[in-house]
Amino acid sequence: MAGKPTPAEFLRQVRAETSKVVWPTRKETITTAIMVLIMTSLLALFFLGTDSFFGWVVRQLLALLG
């Protein structure tokens, strides 16, 4: 088992690993961000509809009791 690296060695290792990363292009980042916004909007609408429906069902059931 190797010992704990010095802070300078740690920074060299971090720099070496970071250089291996394939960073997305600006176009890929924008496209991904737009897709995330679209999907979160669709999911928000879906859950709004689902919540509204179940709220309506509960109100109808409570109206039958009261």
C-alpha atoms as a PDB file:
ATOM      1  CA  MET A   1       0.000   0.000   0.000  1.00  0.00           C
ATOM      2  CA  ALA A   2       1.375   3.355  -1.026  1.00  0.00           C
ATOM      3  CA  GLY A   3       1.786   6.144   1.504  1.00  0.00           C
ATOM      4  CA  LYS A   4      -0.156   9.361   1.554  1.00  0.00           C
ATOM      5  CA  PRO A   5       1.007  11.686  -1.257  1.00  0.00           C
ATOM      6  CA  THR A   6       2.376  15.116  -0.470  1.00  0.00           C
ATOM      7  CA  PRO A   7       0.164  18.091  -1.373  1.00  0.00           C
ATOM      8  CA  ALA A   8       2.382  18.870  -4.380  1.00  0.00           C
ATOM      9  CA  GLU A   9       2.186  15.249  -5.613  1.00  0.00           C
ATOM     10  CA  PHE A  10      -1.562  15.242  -5.085  1.00  0.00           C
ATOM     11  CA  LEU A  11      -1.930  18.393  -7.221  1.00  0.00           C
ATOM     12  CA  ARG A  12       0.226  16.804  -9.956  1.00  0.00           C
ATOM     13  CA  GLN A  13      -2.010  13.732  -9.922  1.00  0.00           C
ATOM     14  CA  VAL A  14      -5.146  15.867 -10.072  1.00  0.00           C
ATOM     15  CA  ARG A  15      -3.733  17.832 -13.020  1.00  0.00           C
ATOM     16  CA  ALA A  16      -2.813  14.577 -14.817  1.00  0.00           C
ATOM     17  CA  GLU A  17      -6.293  13.109 -14.293  1.00  0.00           C
ATOM     18  CA  THR A  18      -8.018  16.336 -15.326  1.00  0.00           C
ATOM     19  CA  SER A  19      -6.086  16.363 -18.598  1.00  0.00           C
ATOM     20  CA  LYS A  20      -7.645  12.961 -19.434  1.00  0.00           C
ATOM     21  CA  VAL A  21     -11.188  14.327 -19.193  1.00  0.00           C
ATOM     22  CA  VAL A  22     -13.004  14.843 -22.491  1.00  0.00           C
ATOM     23  CA  TRP A  23     -14.867  18.096 -21.940  1.00  0.00           C
ATOM     24  CA  PRO A  24     -18.132  18.695 -23.841  1.00  0.00           C
ATOM     25  CA  THR A  25     -18.253  21.348 -26.523  1.00  0.00           C
ATOM     26  CA  ARG A  26     -20.300  24.509 -26.056  1.00  0.00           C
ATOM     27  CA  LYS A  27     -22.935  23.153 -28.474  1.00  0.00           C
ATOM     28  CA  GLU A  28     -23.192  19.842 -26.548  1.00  0.00           C
ATOM     29  CA  THR A  29     -23.570  21.734 -23.267  1.00  0.00           C
ATOM     30  CA  ILE A  30     -26.307  24.000 -24.622  1.00  0.00           C
ATOM     31  CA  THR A  31     -28.142  21.065 -26.247  1.00  0.00           C
ATOM     32  CA  THR A  32     -28.011  19.070 -23.017  1.00  0.00           C
ATOM     33  CA  ALA A  33     -29.200  22.050 -20.953  1.00  0.00           C
ATOM     34  CA  ILE A  34     -32.153  22.589 -23.305  1.00  0.00           C
ATOM     35  CA  MET A  35     -33.092  18.897 -23.122  1.00  0.00           C
ATOM     36  CA  VAL A  36     -32.940  19.008 -19.317  1.00  0.00           C
ATOM     37  CA  LEU A  37     -35.212  22.072 -19.252  1.00  0.00           C
ATOM     38  CA  ILE A  38     -37.696  20.398 -21.605  1.00  0.00           C
ATOM     39  CA  MET A  39     -37.772  17.149 -19.637  1.00  0.00           C
ATOM     40  CA  THR A  40     -38.119  18.877 -16.255  1.00  0.00           C
ATOM     41  CA  SER A  41     -40.942  21.012 -17.654  1.00  0.00           C
ATOM     42  CA  LEU A  42     -42.747  17.934 -18.981  1.00  0.00           C
ATOM     43  CA  LEU A  43     -42.311  16.123 -15.684  1.00  0.00           C
ATOM     44  CA  ALA A  44     -43.523  19.182 -13.761  1.00  0.00           C
ATOM     45  CA  LEU A  45     -46.671  19.283 -15.913  1.00  0.00           C
ATOM     46  CA  PHE A  46     -47.193  15.538 -15.475  1.00  0.00           C
ATOM     47  CA  PHE A  47     -46.900  15.733 -11.692  1.00  0.00           C
ATOM     48  CA  LEU A  48     -49.095  18.839 -11.583  1.00  0.00           C
ATOM     49  CA  GLY A  49     -51.781  16.933 -13.477  1.00  0.00           C
ATOM     50  CA  THR A  50     -51.396  13.817 -11.346  1.00  0.00           C
ATOM     51  CA  ASP A  51     -51.514  15.817  -8.113  1.00  0.00           C
ATOM     52  CA  SER A  52     -54.530  17.807  -9.292  1.00  0.00           C
ATOM     53  CA  PHE A  53     -56.356  14.616 -10.261  1.00  0.00           C
ATOM     54  CA  PHE A  54     -55.730  12.903  -6.933  1.00  0.00           C
ATOM     55  CA  GLY A  55     -56.668  16.111  -5.090  1.00  0.00           C
ATOM     56  CA  TRP A  56     -59.959  16.165  -6.984  1.00  0.00           C
ATOM     57  CA  VAL A  57     -60.572  12.486  -6.137  1.00  0.00           C
ATOM     58  CA  VAL A  58     -59.926  13.118  -2.448  1.00  0.00           C
ATOM     59  CA  ARG A  59     -62.244  16.173  -2.455  1.00  0.00           C
ATOM     60  CA  GLN A  60     -64.996  14.111  -4.092  1.00  0.00           C
ATOM     61  CA  LEU A  61     -64.599  11.326  -1.528  1.00  0.00           C
ATOM     62  CA  LEU A  62     -64.632  13.811   1.349  1.00  0.00           C
ATOM     63  CA  ALA A  63     -67.753  15.466  -0.101  1.00  0.00           C
ATOM     64  CA  LEU A  64     -69.508  12.080  -0.036  1.00  0.00           C
ATOM     65  CA  LEU A  65     -68.721  11.710   3.656  1.00  0.00           C
ATOM     66  CA  GLY A  66     -69.629  15.219   4.704  1.00  0.00           C
END
